C-alpha cells in the first residue's frame, strides 16, 4: 500500500496516521486514536474502514486474546468488502490479497493461545490464499511469516515470534 490512493478518504488517512504513530513507538496513543475511530465507524460502518482499522489495532496488543478479538473483526469485515470498494480506495489493491495476512494473524493469535487446531485451520487458509500476494518485498515478508508460523505451530510453540508486528515483548 505504498502507492497513492485513488481517492481521498479521511478515515483511511486517520488510520494510517495512527499506524505510523504506533510503529514509531507511541502504542498507547495509537491505540487510543484507533479505538476512537472505531467508535465513530461503528460495527456497521464501511467494511474497508473496519477491516483496515481492526487489522492494525490488533497489532497494538501484546495479549494474543485481545489481538485475536480485533483480528476476527478484521476478517469478518473483509468478507463484507467488495472489490469495487477496494479499487475505489486504491487501484492496485485487491480484496483477495488481504486474506493471507488476515488468516496469518489469526493463526498466530491462536498459536500463541495454545489453540493449535484453530491455528492450523487459519495457517492452511493463509497458504491457500498466498497466490494472491504480490511478488514484491511485502509478499516475500508475508510468505516468510507464513513459514515461521507454520513451523511454530508444528512445534507447539506459543512464544511470540521475533518478527511479529506489534509492541515489543
Protein backbone atom coordinates (compact mmCIF):
# COMPACT_ATOMS: atom_id res chain seq x y z
CA UNK A 1 0.00 0.00 0.00
CA UNK A 2 2.78 2.41 -0.79
CA UNK A 3 1.30 3.96 -3.92
CA UNK A 4 -1.05 6.93 -3.89
CA UNK A 5 -4.70 6.14 -3.09
CA UNK A 6 -7.26 6.55 -5.87
CA UNK A 7 -9.35 8.99 -3.84
CA UNK A 8 -9.08 10.95 -0.62
CA UNK A 9 -10.51 9.17 2.40
CA UNK A 10 -10.12 10.98 5.71
CA UNK A 11 -10.85 7.85 7.75
CA UNK A 12 -8.16 5.83 5.98
CA UNK A 13 -5.78 8.78 6.38
CA UNK A 14 -6.51 8.89 10.14
CA UNK A 15 -5.95 5.13 10.41
CA UNK A 16 -2.63 5.47 8.56
CA UNK A 17 -1.50 8.31 10.83
CA UNK A 18 -2.28 6.25 13.94
CA UNK A 19 -0.43 3.25 12.48
CA UNK A 20 2.65 5.39 11.83
CA UNK A 21 2.46 6.70 15.39
CA UNK A 22 2.23 3.17 16.79
CA UNK A 23 5.15 1.96 14.69
CA UNK A 24 7.17 4.92 15.96
CA UNK A 25 6.64 3.60 19.49
CA UNK A 26 3.66 5.50 20.85
CA UNK A 27 1.48 2.41 21.21
CA UNK A 28 -0.92 3.86 23.79
CA UNK A 29 -1.71 6.96 21.75
CA UNK A 30 -2.09 4.98 18.52
CA UNK A 31 -4.41 2.50 20.21
CA UNK A 32 -6.49 5.33 21.71
CA UNK A 33 -6.84 7.02 18.31
CA UNK A 34 -7.85 3.80 16.58
CA UNK A 35 -10.37 2.97 19.30
CA UNK A 36 -11.88 6.45 18.96
CA UNK A 37 -12.12 5.94 15.20
CA UNK A 38 -13.74 2.53 15.76
CA UNK A 39 -16.40 4.24 17.89
CA UNK A 40 -17.08 6.63 15.04
CA UNK A 41 -17.13 3.98 12.31
CA UNK A 42 -19.22 1.51 14.30
CA UNK A 43 -19.77 -2.19 13.70
CA UNK A 44 -21.93 -1.48 10.65
CA UNK A 45 -19.67 1.16 9.08
CA UNK A 46 -17.67 0.94 5.88
CA UNK A 47 -16.23 -2.60 5.80
CA UNK A 48 -12.92 -1.40 4.33
CA UNK A 49 -12.51 1.01 7.23
CA UNK A 50 -13.44 -1.68 9.76
CA UNK A 51 -11.15 -4.28 8.17
CA UNK A 52 -8.17 -1.94 8.00
CA UNK A 53 -8.60 -0.44 11.44
CA UNK A 54 -9.14 -3.77 13.20
CA UNK A 55 -6.18 -5.32 11.36
CA UNK A 56 -3.80 -2.63 12.55
CA UNK A 57 -5.34 -2.28 16.02
CA UNK A 58 -4.74 -5.98 16.67
CA UNK A 59 -1.02 -5.37 16.22
CA UNK A 60 -1.09 -2.88 19.10
CA UNK A 61 -1.96 -5.52 21.69
CA UNK A 62 0.67 -7.71 23.31
CA UNK A 63 -2.02 -10.03 24.71
CA UNK A 64 -2.90 -12.56 21.97
CA UNK A 65 -6.51 -12.81 23.21
CA UNK A 66 -7.02 -9.08 22.69
CA UNK A 67 -5.30 -9.24 19.31
CA UNK A 68 -7.50 -12.20 18.37
CA UNK A 69 -10.69 -10.22 19.00
CA UNK A 70 -9.55 -7.49 16.60
CA UNK A 71 -8.21 -9.94 14.03
CA UNK A 72 -11.60 -11.71 13.98
CA UNK A 73 -13.31 -8.35 13.43
CA UNK A 74 -10.91 -7.63 10.58
CA UNK A 75 -11.59 -10.94 8.82
CA UNK A 76 -15.35 -10.53 9.28
CA UNK A 77 -15.19 -7.04 7.77
CA UNK A 78 -13.06 -8.28 4.85
CA UNK A 79 -15.83 -10.70 3.96
CA UNK A 80 -18.12 -7.68 3.51
CA UNK A 81 -15.67 -5.58 1.45
CA UNK A 82 -16.32 -5.54 -2.27
CA UNK A 83 -13.65 -5.48 -4.93
CA UNK A 84 -15.19 -2.24 -6.17
CA UNK A 85 -14.74 -0.62 -2.74
CA UNK A 86 -11.09 -1.71 -2.55
CA UNK A 87 -10.44 -0.43 -6.07
CA UNK A 88 -12.15 2.86 -5.19
CA UNK A 89 -9.63 3.28 -2.39
CA UNK A 90 -6.59 2.12 -4.34
CA UNK A 91 -6.46 0.83 -7.91
CA UNK A 92 -3.55 -1.55 -7.18
CA UNK A 93 -5.32 -3.38 -4.32
CA UNK A 94 -7.50 -6.48 -4.49
CA UNK A 95 -9.53 -7.91 -1.64
CA UNK A 96 -8.08 -11.37 -2.32
CA UNK A 97 -4.68 -10.01 -1.32
CA UNK A 98 -5.95 -9.22 2.19
CA UNK A 99 -6.73 -12.82 3.13
CA UNK A 100 -3.23 -14.28 3.50
CA UNK A 101 -2.33 -11.67 6.11
CA UNK A 102 -5.69 -11.83 7.88
CA UNK A 103 -5.55 -15.62 8.23
CA UNK A 104 -1.86 -15.48 9.16
CA UNK A 105 -2.63 -13.13 12.04
CA UNK A 106 -5.43 -15.38 13.27
CA UNK A 107 -3.19 -18.44 13.04
CA UNK A 108 -0.52 -16.65 15.06
CA UNK A 109 -3.04 -15.48 17.70
CA UNK A 110 -4.48 -18.97 18.12
CA UNK A 111 -0.99 -20.49 18.23
CA UNK A 112 0.09 -18.10 20.98
CA UNK A 113 -3.04 -19.07 22.91
CA UNK A 114 -2.22 -22.77 22.52
CA UNK A 115 -5.22 -23.47 20.28
CA UNK A 116 -3.25 -25.42 17.69
CA UNK A 117 -6.21 -26.90 15.77
CA UNK A 118 -7.63 -23.42 15.14
CA UNK A 119 -4.13 -22.14 14.31
CA UNK A 120 -3.68 -24.94 11.78
CA UNK A 121 -7.03 -24.12 10.15
CA UNK A 122 -6.02 -20.49 9.64
CA UNK A 123 -2.44 -21.13 8.52
CA UNK A 124 -3.85 -23.54 5.94
CA UNK A 125 -6.31 -20.86 4.77
CA UNK A 126 -3.49 -18.28 4.64
CA UNK A 127 -1.39 -20.59 2.48
CA UNK A 128 -4.37 -21.30 0.20
CA UNK A 129 -4.66 -17.55 -0.41
CA UNK A 130 -0.90 -16.91 -0.73
CA UNK A 131 -1.05 -16.92 -4.52
CA UNK A 132 -2.85 -13.55 -4.20
CA UNK A 133 0.20 -11.96 -2.60
CA UNK A 134 2.20 -9.54 -4.70
CA UNK A 135 5.64 -10.53 -5.97
CA UNK A 136 7.44 -7.82 -4.01
CA UNK A 137 9.06 -7.27 -0.61
CA UNK A 138 5.69 -7.24 1.16
CA UNK A 139 4.68 -10.54 -0.42
CA UNK A 140 8.05 -12.07 0.46
CA UNK A 141 7.72 -10.84 4.04
CA UNK A 142 4.32 -12.49 4.39
CA UNK A 143 5.46 -15.74 2.78
CA UNK A 144 8.32 -15.89 5.28
CA UNK A 145 5.91 -15.20 8.15
CA UNK A 146 3.62 -17.98 6.89
CA UNK A 147 6.52 -20.41 7.08
CA UNK A 148 7.53 -19.17 10.54
CA UNK A 149 4.03 -19.52 11.97
CA UNK A 150 3.52 -22.95 10.36
CA UNK A 151 6.79 -24.12 11.89
CA UNK A 152 5.88 -22.71 15.30
CA UNK A 153 2.50 -24.47 15.12
CA UNK A 154 4.18 -27.77 14.30
CA UNK A 155 6.49 -27.32 17.32
CA UNK A 156 3.53 -26.35 19.54
CA UNK A 157 5.43 -23.16 20.34
CA UNK A 158 3.38 -20.40 21.99
CA UNK A 159 6.15 -17.79 22.22
CA UNK A 160 5.78 -14.51 20.34
CA UNK A 161 7.77 -14.52 17.11
CA UNK A 162 10.63 -12.03 16.95
CA UNK A 163 9.38 -10.92 13.50
CA UNK A 164 5.76 -10.44 14.60
CA UNK A 165 4.31 -6.93 14.31
CA UNK A 166 3.24 -5.10 17.42
CA UNK A 167 4.58 -3.96 20.78
CA UNK A 168 7.91 -5.30 21.91
CA UNK A 169 7.68 -8.28 24.22
